[in-house]
Amino acid sequence: MKSLLIIDHGSKKQAANDMINDIVALIKSKQPNLIVVGSHMELASPTIEDGIHDCIKQGATKIIAQPFMLSPGRHTTEDIPQMVAEIAKKFPNIDISTSTHLGVHPLLVDIILERAGIE
């Protein structure tokens, strides 16, 4: 069964960490048969490893780690892929891969304009 592990940076502020739960809930509402789990790269729990364990516990045989970050910085191009690859070694029978950063997308334009109050 396919699963999606959403990974944000993590924060010392609980309100920031809680946002991952909101995006997970939205994804689940659009893909109710998909295992979707949120995790944090650092500073908070659940960690990436916790998230992978959760996916497997729910029956995942394929895990796609999706950074919840916009730009191709060090965390999305090096840190997260390396962390996921290291953890994946513990689960040789599970297909675990890392997707790319969110990047620029036409739908983001609408979000930016809406948040700025520009119609």
PDB file of N, CA and C in Angstrom:
ATOM      1  N   MET A   1       0.845  -1.180   0.000  1.00  0.00           N
ATOM      2  CA  MET A   1       0.000   0.000   0.000  1.00  0.00           C
ATOM      3  C   MET A   1       0.893   1.248   0.000  1.00  0.00           C
ATOM      4  N   LYS A   2       0.524   2.214  -0.799  1.00  0.00           N
ATOM      5  CA  LYS A   2       1.291   3.451  -0.943  1.00  0.00           C
ATOM      6  C   LYS A   2       0.989   4.406   0.208  1.00  0.00           C
ATOM      7  N   SER A   3       2.023   5.132   0.635  1.00  0.00           N
ATOM      8  CA  SER A   3       1.835   6.139   1.681  1.00  0.00           C
ATOM      9  C   SER A   3       2.636   7.392   1.362  1.00  0.00           C
ATOM     10  N   LEU A   4       2.212   8.466   1.983  1.00  0.00           N
ATOM     11  CA  LEU A   4       2.842   9.767   1.792  1.00  0.00           C
ATOM     12  C   LEU A   4       3.265  10.288   3.155  1.00  0.00           C
ATOM     13  N   LEU A   5       4.551  10.559   3.305  1.00  0.00           N
ATOM     14  CA  LEU A   5       5.094  11.124   4.536  1.00  0.00           C
ATOM     15  C   LEU A   5       5.411  12.591   4.270  1.00  0.00           C
ATOM     16  N   ILE A   6       4.637  13.481   4.858  1.00  0.00           N
ATOM     17  CA  ILE A   6       4.843  14.917   4.684  1.00  0.00           C
ATOM     18  C   ILE A   6       5.839  15.378   5.741  1.00  0.00           C
ATOM     19  N   ILE A   7       6.906  16.056   5.301  1.00  0.00           N
ATOM     20  CA  ILE A   7       7.977  16.465   6.213  1.00  0.00           C
ATOM     21  C   ILE A   7       8.142  17.976   6.171  1.00  0.00           C
ATOM     22  N   ASP A   8       7.904  18.624   7.312  1.00  0.00           N
ATOM     23  CA  ASP A   8       8.210  20.052   7.393  1.00  0.00           C
ATOM     24  C   ASP A   8       9.510  20.227   8.176  1.00  0.00           C
ATOM     25  N   HIS A   9       9.909  21.466   8.383  1.00  0.00           N
ATOM     26  CA  HIS A   9      11.165  21.720   9.066  1.00  0.00           C
ATOM     27  C   HIS A   9      11.105  21.333  10.530  1.00  0.00           C
ATOM     28  N   GLY A  10      10.010  21.710  11.189  1.00  0.00           N
ATOM     29  CA  GLY A  10       9.921  21.552  12.637  1.00  0.00           C
ATOM     30  C   GLY A  10      10.275  22.870  13.291  1.00  0.00           C
ATOM     31  N   SER A  11       9.682  23.115  14.447  1.00  0.00           N
ATOM     32  CA  SER A  11       9.856  24.406  15.109  1.00  0.00           C
ATOM     33  C   SER A  11       9.787  24.236  16.619  1.00  0.00           C
ATOM     34  N   LYS A  12      10.300  25.222  17.330  1.00  0.00           N
ATOM     35  CA  LYS A  12      10.135  25.263  18.783  1.00  0.00           C
ATOM     36  C   LYS A  12       8.738  25.758  19.137  1.00  0.00           C
ATOM     37  N   LYS A  13       8.028  26.335  18.166  1.00  0.00           N
ATOM     38  CA  LYS A  13       6.677  26.851  18.383  1.00  0.00           C
ATOM     39  C   LYS A  13       5.654  25.779  18.019  1.00  0.00           C
ATOM     40  N   GLN A  14       4.837  25.411  18.991  1.00  0.00           N
ATOM     41  CA  GLN A  14       3.857  24.347  18.774  1.00  0.00           C
ATOM     42  C   GLN A  14       2.866  24.679  17.662  1.00  0.00           C
ATOM     43  N   ALA A  15       2.463  25.940  17.571  1.00  0.00           N
ATOM     44  CA  ALA A  15       1.499  26.330  16.532  1.00  0.00           C
ATOM     45  C   ALA A  15       2.057  26.046  15.138  1.00  0.00           C
ATOM     46  N   ALA A  16       3.339  26.263  14.959  1.00  0.00           N
ATOM     47  CA  ALA A  16       3.971  25.970  13.669  1.00  0.00           C
ATOM     48  C   ALA A  16       3.974  24.465  13.410  1.00  0.00           C
ATOM     49  N   ASN A  17       4.269  23.688  14.430  1.00  0.00           N
ATOM     50  CA  ASN A  17       4.293  22.233  14.274  1.00  0.00           C
ATOM     51  C   ASN A  17       2.912  21.657  14.003  1.00  0.00           C
ATOM     52  N   ASP A  18       1.891  22.279  14.565  1.00  0.00           N
ATOM     53  CA  ASP A  18       0.524  21.786  14.379  1.00  0.00           C
ATOM     54  C   ASP A  18       0.048  21.909  12.932  1.00  0.00           C
ATOM     55  N   MET A  19       0.661  22.796  12.172  1.00  0.00           N
ATOM     56  CA  MET A  19       0.239  22.989  10.778  1.00  0.00           C
ATOM     57  C   MET A  19       0.391  21.718   9.951  1.00  0.00           C
ATOM     58  N   ILE A  20       1.359  20.878  10.296  1.00  0.00           N
ATOM     59  CA  ILE A  20       1.545  19.645   9.531  1.00  0.00           C
ATOM     60  C   ILE A  20       0.306  18.762   9.634  1.00  0.00           C
ATOM     61  N   ASN A  21      -0.337  18.786  10.804  1.00  0.00           N
ATOM     62  CA  ASN A  21      -1.561  17.995  10.985  1.00  0.00           C
ATOM     63  C   ASN A  21      -2.681  18.507  10.088  1.00  0.00           C
ATOM     64  N   ASP A  22      -2.718  19.819   9.890  1.00  0.00           N
ATOM     65  CA  ASP A  22      -3.747  20.410   9.030  1.00  0.00           C
ATOM     66  C   ASP A  22      -3.563  19.990   7.575  1.00  0.00           C
ATOM     67  N   ILE A  23      -2.332  20.023   7.090  1.00  0.00           N
ATOM     68  CA  ILE A  23      -2.100  19.644   5.694  1.00  0.00           C
ATOM     69  C   ILE A  23      -2.332  18.145   5.504  1.00  0.00           C
ATOM     70  N   VAL A  24      -1.952  17.345   6.496  1.00  0.00           N
ATOM     71  CA  VAL A  24      -2.212  15.902   6.423  1.00  0.00           C
ATOM     72  C   VAL A  24      -3.713  15.647   6.325  1.00  0.00           C
ATOM     73  N   ALA A  25      -4.498  16.338   7.140  1.00  0.00           N
ATOM     74  CA  ALA A  25      -5.959  16.166   7.114  1.00  0.00           C
ATOM     75  C   ALA A  25      -6.543  16.558   5.758  1.00  0.00           C
ATOM     76  N   LEU A  26      -6.032  17.637   5.169  1.00  0.00           N
ATOM     77  CA  LEU A  26      -6.522  18.064   3.855  1.00  0.00           C
ATOM     78  C   LEU A  26      -6.189  17.040   2.768  1.00  0.00           C
ATOM     79  N   ILE A  27      -4.987  16.497   2.823  1.00  0.00           N
ATOM     80  CA  ILE A  27      -4.599  15.484   1.834  1.00  0.00           C
ATOM     81  C   ILE A  27      -5.465  14.238   1.998  1.00  0.00           C
ATOM     82  N   LYS A  28      -5.667  13.816   3.242  1.00  0.00           N
ATOM     83  CA  LYS A  28      -6.506  12.635   3.494  1.00  0.00           C
ATOM     84  C   LYS A  28      -7.932  12.846   2.994  1.00  0.00           C
ATOM     85  N   SER A  29      -8.427  14.075   3.097  1.00  0.00           N
ATOM     86  CA  SER A  29      -9.794  14.331   2.626  1.00  0.00           C
ATOM     87  C   SER A  29      -9.902  14.177   1.110  1.00  0.00           C
ATOM     88  N   LYS A  30      -8.798  14.422   0.394  1.00  0.00           N
ATOM     89  CA  LYS A  30      -8.796  14.271  -1.067  1.00  0.00           C
ATOM     90  C   LYS A  30      -8.406  12.858  -1.505  1.00  0.00           C
ATOM     91  N   GLN A  31      -7.651  12.171  -0.657  1.00  0.00           N
ATOM     92  CA  GLN A  31      -7.177  10.815  -0.972  1.00  0.00           C
ATOM     93  C   GLN A  31      -7.441   9.905   0.232  1.00  0.00           C
ATOM     94  N   PRO A  32      -8.701   9.573   0.492  1.00  0.00           N
ATOM     95  CA  PRO A  32      -9.036   8.833   1.717  1.00  0.00           C
ATOM     96  C   PRO A  32      -8.425   7.436   1.817  1.00  0.00           C
ATOM     97  N   ASN A  33      -8.022   6.850   0.708  1.00  0.00           N
ATOM     98  CA  ASN A  33      -7.426   5.510   0.747  1.00  0.00           C
ATOM     99  C   ASN A  33      -5.904   5.535   0.838  1.00  0.00           C
ATOM    100  N   LEU A  34      -5.332   6.711   0.898  1.00  0.00           N
ATOM    101  CA  LEU A  34      -3.883   6.869   0.985  1.00  0.00           C
ATOM    102  C   LEU A  34      -3.474   7.021   2.446  1.00  0.00           C
ATOM    103  N   ILE A  35      -2.420   6.325   2.830  1.00  0.00           N
ATOM    104  CA  ILE A  35      -1.848   6.537   4.162  1.00  0.00           C
ATOM    105  C   ILE A  35      -1.076   7.849   4.099  1.00  0.00           C
ATOM    106  N   VAL A  36      -1.417   8.795   4.952  1.00  0.00           N
ATOM    107  CA  VAL A  36      -0.743  10.098   4.977  1.00  0.00           C
ATOM    108  C   VAL A  36      -0.332  10.386   6.417  1.00  0.00           C
ATOM    109  N   VAL A  37       0.950  10.684   6.597  1.00  0.00           N
ATOM    110  CA  VAL A  37       1.509  10.920   7.925  1.00  0.00           C
ATOM    111  C   VAL A  37       2.365  12.179   7.870  1.00  0.00           C
ATOM    112  N   GLY A  38       2.326  12.968   8.918  1.00  0.00           N
ATOM    113  CA  GLY A  38       3.157  14.162   9.012  1.00  0.00           C
ATOM    114  C   GLY A  38       4.329  13.938   9.946  1.00  0.00           C
ATOM    115  N   SER A  39       5.441  14.622   9.660  1.00  0.00           N
ATOM    116  CA  SER A  39       6.620  14.536  10.525  1.00  0.00           C
ATOM    117  C   SER A  39       7.443  15.811  10.388  1.00  0.00           C
ATOM    118  N   HIS A  40       8.435  15.921  11.270  1.00  0.00           N
ATOM    119  CA  HIS A  40       9.296  17.105  11.299  1.00  0.00           C
ATOM    120  C   HIS A  40      10.750  16.683  11.106  1.00  0.00           C
ATOM    121  N   MET A  41      11.487  17.476  10.344  1.00  0.00           N
ATOM    122  CA  MET A  41      12.889  17.189  10.100  1.00  0.00           C
ATOM    123  C   MET A  41      13.715  17.330  11.378  1.00  0.00           C
ATOM    124  N   GLU A  42      13.395  18.344  12.171  1.00  0.00           N
ATOM    125  CA  GLU A  42      14.142  18.574  13.414  1.00  0.00           C
ATOM    126  C   GLU A  42      13.303  19.411  14.376  1.00  0.00           C
ATOM    127  N   LEU A  43      13.756  19.537  15.579  1.00  0.00           N
ATOM    128  CA  LEU A  43      13.195  20.408  16.617  1.00  0.00           C
ATOM    129  C   LEU A  43      11.868  19.952  17.210  1.00  0.00           C
ATOM    130  N   ALA A  44      11.218  18.939  16.647  1.00  0.00           N
ATOM    131  CA  ALA A  44       9.903  18.536  17.148  1.00  0.00           C
ATOM    132  C   ALA A  44       9.621  17.078  16.798  1.00  0.00           C
ATOM    133  N   SER A  45       8.626  16.551  17.462  1.00  0.00           N
ATOM    134  CA  SER A  45       8.143  15.198  17.187  1.00  0.00           C
ATOM    135  C   SER A  45       6.758  15.295  16.572  1.00  0.00           C
ATOM    136  N   PRO A  46       6.398  14.349  15.744  1.00  0.00           N
ATOM    137  CA  PRO A  46       7.123  13.139  15.386  1.00  0.00           C
ATOM    138  C   PRO A  46       8.260  13.431  14.402  1.00  0.00           C
ATOM    139  N   THR A  47       9.318  12.673  14.546  1.00  0.00           N
ATOM    140  CA  THR A  47      10.471  12.802  13.664  1.00  0.00           C
ATOM    141  C   THR A  47      10.198  12.074  12.346  1.00  0.00           C
ATOM    142  N   ILE A  48      11.121  12.204  11.421  1.00  0.00           N
ATOM    143  CA  ILE A  48      11.003  11.477  10.154  1.00  0.00           C
ATOM    144  C   ILE A  48      10.959   9.972  10.421  1.00  0.00           C
ATOM    145  N   GLU A  49      11.813   9.505  11.304  1.00  0.00           N
ATOM    146  CA  GLU A  49      11.814   8.071  11.616  1.00  0.00           C
ATOM    147  C   GLU A  49      10.492   7.649  12.254  1.00  0.00           C
ATOM    148  N   ASP A  50       9.966   8.476  13.155  1.00  0.00           N
ATOM    149  CA  ASP A  50       8.650   8.184  13.742  1.00  0.00           C
ATOM    150  C   ASP A  50       7.593   8.075  12.647  1.00  0.00           C
ATOM    151  N   GLY A  51       7.648   9.001  11.693  1.00  0.00           N
ATOM    152  CA  GLY A  51       6.679   9.009  10.603  1.00  0.00           C
ATOM    153  C   GLY A  51       6.764   7.768   9.733  1.00  0.00           C
ATOM    154  N   ILE A  52       7.988   7.338   9.442  1.00  0.00           N
ATOM    155  CA  ILE A  52       8.170   6.122   8.650  1.00  0.00           C
ATOM    156  C   ILE A  52       7.609   4.916   9.405  1.00  0.00           C
ATOM    157  N   HIS A  53       7.903   4.836  10.695  1.00  0.00           N
ATOM    158  CA  HIS A  53       7.351   3.749  11.518  1.00  0.00           C
ATOM    159  C   HIS A  53       5.824   3.762  11.476  1.00  0.00           C
ATOM    160  N   ASP A  54       5.239   4.945  11.569  1.00  0.00           N
ATOM    161  CA  ASP A  54       3.781   5.079  11.553  1.00  0.00           C
ATOM    162  C   ASP A  54       3.206   4.595  10.222  1.00  0.00           C
ATOM    163  N   CYS A  55       3.844   4.989   9.119  1.00  0.00           N
ATOM    164  CA  CYS A  55       3.387   4.536   7.794  1.00  0.00           C
ATOM    165  C   CYS A  55       3.398   3.010   7.715  1.00  0.00           C
ATOM    166  N   ILE A  56       4.498   2.413   8.154  1.00  0.00           N
ATOM    167  CA  ILE A  56       4.632   0.955   8.095  1.00  0.00           C
ATOM    168  C   ILE A  56       3.594   0.291   8.997  1.00  0.00           C
ATOM    169  N   LYS A  57       3.398   0.851  10.177  1.00  0.00           N
ATOM    170  CA  LYS A  57       2.409   0.305  11.116  1.00  0.00           C
ATOM    171  C   LYS A  57       1.003   0.309  10.515  1.00  0.00           C
ATOM    172  N   GLN A  58       0.744   1.299   9.646  1.00  0.00           N
ATOM    173  CA  GLN A  58      -0.566   1.387   8.991  1.00  0.00           C
ATOM    174  C   GLN A  58      -0.665   0.519   7.731  1.00  0.00           C
ATOM    175  N   GLY A  59       0.437  -0.181   7.401  1.00  0.00           N
ATOM    176  CA  GLY A  59       0.398  -1.106   6.273  1.00  0.00           C
ATOM    177  C   GLY A  59       1.119  -0.662   5.020  1.00  0.00           C
ATOM    178  N   ALA A  60       1.905   0.391   5.100  1.00  0.00           N
ATOM    179  CA  ALA A  60       2.608   0.892   3.917  1.00  0.00           C
ATOM    180  C   ALA A  60       3.665  -0.094   3.436  1.00  0.00           C
ATOM    181  N   THR A  61       3.705  -0.283   2.124  1.00  0.00           N
ATOM    182  CA  THR A  61       4.780  -1.039   1.485  1.00  0.00           C
ATOM    183  C   THR A  61       5.617  -0.116   0.596  1.00  0.00           C
ATOM    184  N   LYS A  62       5.095   1.067   0.338  1.00  0.00           N
ATOM    185  CA  LYS A  62       5.809   2.109  -0.418  1.00  0.00           C
ATOM    186  C   LYS A  62       5.574   3.431   0.300  1.00  0.00           C
ATOM    187  N   ILE A  63       6.665   4.120   0.626  1.00  0.00           N
ATOM    188  CA  ILE A  63       6.575   5.406   1.320  1.00  0.00           C
ATOM    189  C   ILE A  63       7.247   6.468   0.460  1.00  0.00           C
ATOM    190  N   ILE A  64       6.508   7.518   0.162  1.00  0.00           N
ATOM    191  CA  ILE A  64       7.066   8.661  -0.560  1.00  0.00           C
ATOM    192  C   ILE A  64       7.204   9.785   0.453  1.00  0.00           C
ATOM    193  N   ALA A  65       8.438  10.177   0.733  1.00  0.00           N
ATOM    194  CA  ALA A  65       8.716  11.266   1.664  1.00  0.00           C
ATOM    195  C   ALA A  65       8.653  12.577   0.883  1.00  0.00           C
ATOM    196  N   GLN A  66       7.711  13.429   1.236  1.00  0.00           N
ATOM    197  CA  GLN A  66       7.476  14.687   0.527  1.00  0.00           C
ATOM    198  C   GLN A  66       7.824  15.868   1.421  1.00  0.00           C
ATOM    199  N   PRO A  67       8.932  16.567   1.116  1.00  0.00           N
ATOM    200  CA  PRO A  67       9.230  17.776   1.894  1.00  0.00           C
ATOM    201  C   PRO A  67       8.141  18.831   1.699  1.00  0.00           C
ATOM    202  N   PHE A  68       7.668  19.373   2.800  1.00  0.00           N
ATOM    203  CA  PHE A  68       6.664  20.437   2.779  1.00  0.00           C
ATOM    204  C   PHE A  68       7.420  21.759   2.878  1.00  0.00           C
ATOM    205  N   MET A  69       8.207  22.031   1.833  1.00  0.00           N
ATOM    206  CA  MET A  69       9.071  23.206   1.759  1.00  0.00           C
ATOM    207  C   MET A  69       9.061  23.701   0.322  1.00  0.00           C
ATOM    208  N   LEU A  70       9.126  25.016   0.152  1.00  0.00           N
ATOM    209  CA  LEU A  70       9.007  25.588  -1.184  1.00  0.00           C
ATOM    210  C   LEU A  70      10.268  25.512  -2.028  1.00  0.00           C
ATOM    211  N   SER A  71      11.409  25.792  -1.448  1.00  0.00           N
ATOM    212  CA  SER A  71      12.601  25.991  -2.275  1.00  0.00           C
ATOM    213  C   SER A  71      13.592  24.833  -2.192  1.00  0.00           C
ATOM    214  N   PRO A  72      14.492  24.762  -3.191  1.00  0.00           N
ATOM    215  CA  PRO A  72      15.473  23.688  -3.238  1.00  0.00           C
ATOM    216  C   PRO A  72      16.711  24.005  -2.397  1.00  0.00           C
ATOM    217  N   GLY A  73      16.497  24.268  -1.129  1.00  0.00           N
ATOM    218  CA  GLY A  73      17.617  24.552  -0.229  1.00  0.00           C
ATOM    219  C   GLY A  73      18.292  23.276   0.244  1.00  0.00           C
ATOM    220  N   ARG A  74      19.231  23.444   1.146  1.00  0.00           N
ATOM    221  CA  ARG A  74      20.011  22.308   1.647  1.00  0.00           C
ATOM    222  C   ARG A  74      19.128  21.236   2.295  1.00  0.00           C
ATOM    223  N   HIS A  75      18.111  21.662   3.023  1.00  0.00           N
ATOM    224  CA  HIS A  75      17.252  20.676   3.690  1.00  0.00           C
ATOM    225  C   HIS A  75      16.547  19.772   2.684  1.00  0.00           C
ATOM    226  N   THR A  76      16.048  20.342   1.587  1.00  0.00           N
ATOM    227  CA  THR A  76      15.296  19.534   0.617  1.00  0.00           C
ATOM    228  C   THR A  76      16.195  18.775  -0.354  1.00  0.00           C
ATOM    229  N   THR A  77      17.383  19.294  -0.611  1.00  0.00           N
ATOM    230  CA  THR A  77      18.257  18.629  -1.583  1.00  0.00           C
ATOM    231  C   THR A  77      19.271  17.688  -0.944  1.00  0.00           C
ATOM    232  N   GLU A  78      19.593  17.918   0.336  1.00  0.00           N
ATOM    233  CA  GLU A  78      20.605  17.086   0.991  1.00  0.00           C
ATOM    234  C   GLU A  78      20.100  16.433   2.275  1.00  0.00           C
ATOM    235  N   ASP A  79      19.712  17.267   3.244  1.00  0.00           N
ATOM    236  CA  ASP A  79      19.418  16.757   4.587  1.00  0.00           C
ATOM    237  C   ASP A  79      18.292  15.726   4.609  1.00  0.00           C
ATOM    238  N   ILE A  80      17.136  16.092   4.092  1.00  0.00           N
ATOM    239  CA  ILE A  80      15.990  15.174   4.138  1.00  0.00           C
ATOM    240  C   ILE A  80      16.258  13.906   3.324  1.00  0.00           C
ATOM    241  N   PRO A  81      16.739  14.011   2.072  1.00  0.00           N
ATOM    242  CA  PRO A  81      17.025  12.770   1.339  1.00  0.00           C
ATOM    243  C   PRO A  81      18.034  11.866   2.057  1.00  0.00           C
ATOM    244  N   GLN A  82      19.059  12.469   2.674  1.00  0.00           N
ATOM    245  CA  GLN A  82      20.046  11.663   3.397  1.00  0.00           C
ATOM    246  C   GLN A  82      19.436  11.010   4.631  1.00  0.00           C
ATOM    247  N   MET A  83      18.619  11.760   5.368  1.00  0.00           N
ATOM    248  CA  MET A  83      17.978  11.205   6.561  1.00  0.00           C
ATOM    249  C   MET A  83      17.049  10.055   6.180  1.00  0.00           C
ATOM    250  N   VAL A  84      16.249  10.259   5.152  1.00  0.00           N
ATOM    251  CA  VAL A  84      15.314   9.222   4.711  1.00  0.00           C
ATOM    252  C   VAL A  84      16.080   7.987   4.235  1.00  0.00           C
ATOM    253  N   ALA A  85      17.138   8.180   3.464  1.00  0.00           N
ATOM    254  CA  ALA A  85      17.926   7.051   2.957  1.00  0.00           C
ATOM    255  C   ALA A  85      18.550   6.258   4.101  1.00  0.00           C
ATOM    256  N   GLU A  86      19.028   6.945   5.110  1.00  0.00           N
ATOM    257  CA  GLU A  86      19.634   6.273   6.264  1.00  0.00           C
ATOM    258  C   GLU A  86      18.593   5.443   7.016  1.00  0.00           C
ATOM    259  N   ILE A  87      17.430   6.012   7.234  1.00  0.00           N
ATOM    260  CA  ILE A  87      16.353   5.294   7.930  1.00  0.00           C
ATOM    261  C   ILE A  87      15.859   4.126   7.077  1.00  0.00           C
ATOM    262  N   ALA A  88      15.803   4.329   5.763  1.00  0.00           N
ATOM    263  CA  ALA A  88      15.308   3.286   4.847  1.00  0.00           C
ATOM    264  C   ALA A  88      16.139   2.010   4.929  1.00  0.00           C
ATOM    265  N   LYS A  89      17.410   2.126   5.283  1.00  0.00           N
ATOM    266  CA  LYS A  89      18.271   0.943   5.411  1.00  0.00           C
ATOM    267  C   LYS A  89      17.732  -0.033   6.453  1.00  0.00           C
ATOM    268  N   LYS A  90      16.987   0.471   7.417  1.00  0.00           N
ATOM    269  CA  LYS A  90      16.423  -0.376   8.473  1.00  0.00           C
ATOM    270  C   LYS A  90      15.217  -1.173   7.980  1.00  0.00           C
ATOM    271  N   PHE A  91      14.698  -0.802   6.809  1.00  0.00           N
ATOM    272  CA  PHE A  91      13.482  -1.424   6.275  1.00  0.00           C
ATOM    273  C   PHE A  91      13.703  -1.858   4.827  1.00  0.00           C
ATOM    274  N   PRO A  92      14.546  -2.868   4.601  1.00  0.00           N
ATOM    275  CA  PRO A  92      14.883  -3.254   3.228  1.00  0.00           C
ATOM    276  C   PRO A  92      13.701  -3.768   2.407  1.00  0.00           C
ATOM    277  N   ASN A  93      12.630  -4.183   3.051  1.00  0.00           N
ATOM    278  CA  ASN A  93      11.468  -4.703   2.321  1.00  0.00           C
ATOM    279  C   ASN A  93      10.428  -3.638   2.007  1.00  0.00           C
ATOM    280  N   ILE A  94      10.707  -2.396   2.391  1.00  0.00           N
ATOM    281  CA  ILE A  94       9.792  -1.283   2.138  1.00  0.00           C
ATOM    282  C   ILE A  94      10.437  -0.355   1.115  1.00  0.00           C
ATOM    283  N   ASP A  95       9.695   0.022   0.082  1.00  0.00           N
ATOM    284  CA  ASP A  95      10.173   0.955  -0.945  1.00  0.00           C
ATOM    285  C   ASP A  95      10.006   2.377  -0.402  1.00  0.00           C
ATOM    286  N   ILE A  96      11.118   3.013  -0.050  1.00  0.00           N
ATOM    287  CA  ILE A  96      11.076   4.356   0.535  1.00  0.00           C
ATOM    288  C   ILE A  96      11.867   5.305  -0.360  1.00  0.00           C
ATOM    289  N   SER A  97      11.217   6.375  -0.811  1.00  0.00           N
ATOM    290  CA  SER A  97      11.875   7.357  -1.675  1.00  0.00           C
ATOM    291  C   SER A  97      11.538   8.765  -1.202  1.00  0.00           C
ATOM    292  N   THR A  98      12.297   9.723  -1.702  1.00  0.00           N
ATOM    293  CA  THR A  98      12.069  11.123  -1.353  1.00  0.00           C
ATOM    294  C   THR A  98      11.711  11.899  -2.609  1.00  0.00           C
ATOM    295  N   SER A  99      10.655  12.685  -2.525  1.00  0.00           N
ATOM    296  CA  SER A  99      10.242  13.556  -3.616  1.00  0.00           C
ATOM    297  C   SER A  99      10.996  14.885  -3.500  1.00  0.00           C
ATOM    298  N   THR A 100      10.702  15.785  -4.386  1.00  0.00           N
ATOM    299  CA  THR A 100      11.388  17.072  -4.401  1.00  0.00           C
ATOM    300  C   THR A 100      10.577  18.139  -3.656  1.00  0.00           C
ATOM    301  N   HIS A 101      11.183  19.297  -3.453  1.00  0.00           N
ATOM    302  CA  HIS A 101      10.513  20.437  -2.812  1.00  0.00           C
ATOM    303  C   HIS A 101       9.259  20.825  -3.609  1.00  0.00           C
ATOM    304  N   LEU A 102       8.407  21.620  -3.006  1.00  0.00           N
ATOM    305  CA  LEU A 102       7.159  22.011  -3.671  1.00  0.00           C
ATOM    306  C   LEU A 102       7.402  22.933  -4.854  1.00  0.00           C
ATOM    307  N   GLY A 103       8.315  23.862  -4.720  1.00  0.00           N
ATOM    308  CA  GLY A 103       8.688  24.721  -5.829  1.00  0.00           C
ATOM    309  C   GLY A 103       7.624  25.701  -6.270  1.00  0.00           C
ATOM    310  N   VAL A 104       7.795  26.198  -7.476  1.00  0.00           N
ATOM    311  CA  VAL A 104       6.877  27.178  -8.058  1.00  0.00           C
ATOM    312  C   VAL A 104       5.780  26.421  -8.799  1.00  0.00           C
ATOM    313  N   HIS A 105       4.549  26.816  -8.546  1.00  0.00           N
ATOM    314  CA  HIS A 105       3.410  26.179  -9.201  1.00  0.00           C
ATOM    315  C   HIS A 105       2.343  27.243  -9.426  1.00  0.00           C
ATOM    316  N   PRO A 106       1.639  27.204 -10.555  1.00  0.00           N
ATOM    317  CA  PRO A 106       0.615  28.219 -10.828  1.00  0.00           C
ATOM    318  C   PRO A 106      -0.430  28.365  -9.715  1.00  0.00           C
ATOM    319  N   LEU A 107      -0.772  27.291  -9.032  1.00  0.00           N
ATOM    320  CA  LEU A 107      -1.758  27.390  -7.952  1.00  0.00           C
ATOM    321  C   LEU A 107      -1.255  28.235  -6.782  1.00  0.00           C
ATOM    322  N   LEU A 108       0.062  28.322  -6.625  1.00  0.00           N
ATOM    323  CA  LEU A 108       0.619  29.154  -5.550  1.00  0.00           C
ATOM    324  C   LEU A 108       0.334  30.635  -5.779  1.00  0.00           C
ATOM    325  N   VAL A 109       0.222  31.033  -7.024  1.00  0.00           N
ATOM    326  CA  VAL A 109      -0.084  32.434  -7.338  1.00  0.00           C
ATOM    327  C   VAL A 109      -1.418  32.828  -6.718  1.00  0.00           C
ATOM    328  N   ASP A 110      -2.415  31.972  -6.866  1.00  0.00           N
ATOM    329  CA  ASP A 110      -3.729  32.257  -6.289  1.00  0.00           C
ATOM    330  C   ASP A 110      -3.660  32.364  -4.769  1.00  0.00           C
ATOM    331  N   ILE A 111      -2.897  31.492  -4.157  1.00  0.00           N
ATOM    332  CA  ILE A 111      -2.755  31.521  -2.698  1.00  0.00           C
ATOM    333  C   ILE A 111      -2.085  32.818  -2.255  1.00  0.00           C
ATOM    334  N   ILE A 112      -1.019  33.206  -2.930  1.00  0.00           N
ATOM    335  CA  ILE A 112      -0.304  34.437  -2.573  1.00  0.00           C
ATOM    336  C   ILE A 112      -1.214  35.650  -2.717  1.00  0.00           C
ATOM    337  N   LEU A 113      -1.916  35.737  -3.838  1.00  0.00           N
ATOM    338  CA  LEU A 113      -2.812  36.876  -4.054  1.00  0.00           C
ATOM    339  C   LEU A 113      -3.939  36.904  -3.025  1.00  0.00           C
ATOM    340  N   GLU A 114      -4.489  35.743  -2.706  1.00  0.00           N
ATOM    341  CA  GLU A 114      -5.561  35.681  -1.709  1.00  0.00           C
ATOM    342  C   GLU A 114      -5.063  36.125  -0.335  1.00  0.00           C
ATOM    343  N   ARG A 115      -3.914  35.627   0.080  1.00  0.00           N
ATOM    344  CA  ARG A 115      -3.370  35.979   1.394  1.00  0.00           C
ATOM    345  C   ARG A 115      -3.008  37.458   1.479  1.00  0.00           C
ATOM    346  N   ALA A 116      -2.610  38.030   0.352  1.00  0.00           N
ATOM    347  CA  ALA A 116      -2.251  39.453   0.320  1.00  0.00           C
ATOM    348  C   ALA A 116      -3.482  40.345   0.182  1.00  0.00           C
ATOM    349  N   GLY A 117      -4.636  39.736  -0.046  1.00  0.00           N
ATOM    350  CA  GLY A 117      -5.864  40.515  -0.198  1.00  0.00           C
ATOM    351  C   GLY A 117      -5.979  41.206  -1.540  1.00  0.00           C
ATOM    352  N   ILE A 118      -5.321  40.639  -2.539  1.00  0.00           N
ATOM    353  CA  ILE A 118      -5.344  41.221  -3.884  1.00  0.00           C
ATOM    354  C   ILE A 118      -6.219  40.343  -4.774  1.00  0.00           C
ATOM    355  N   GLU A 119      -7.188  40.983  -5.430  1.00  0.00           N
ATOM    356  CA  GLU A 119      -8.094  40.214  -6.298  1.00  0.00           C
ATOM    357  C   GLU A 119      -7.809  40.472  -7.748  1.00  0.00           C
TER     358      GLU A 119
END
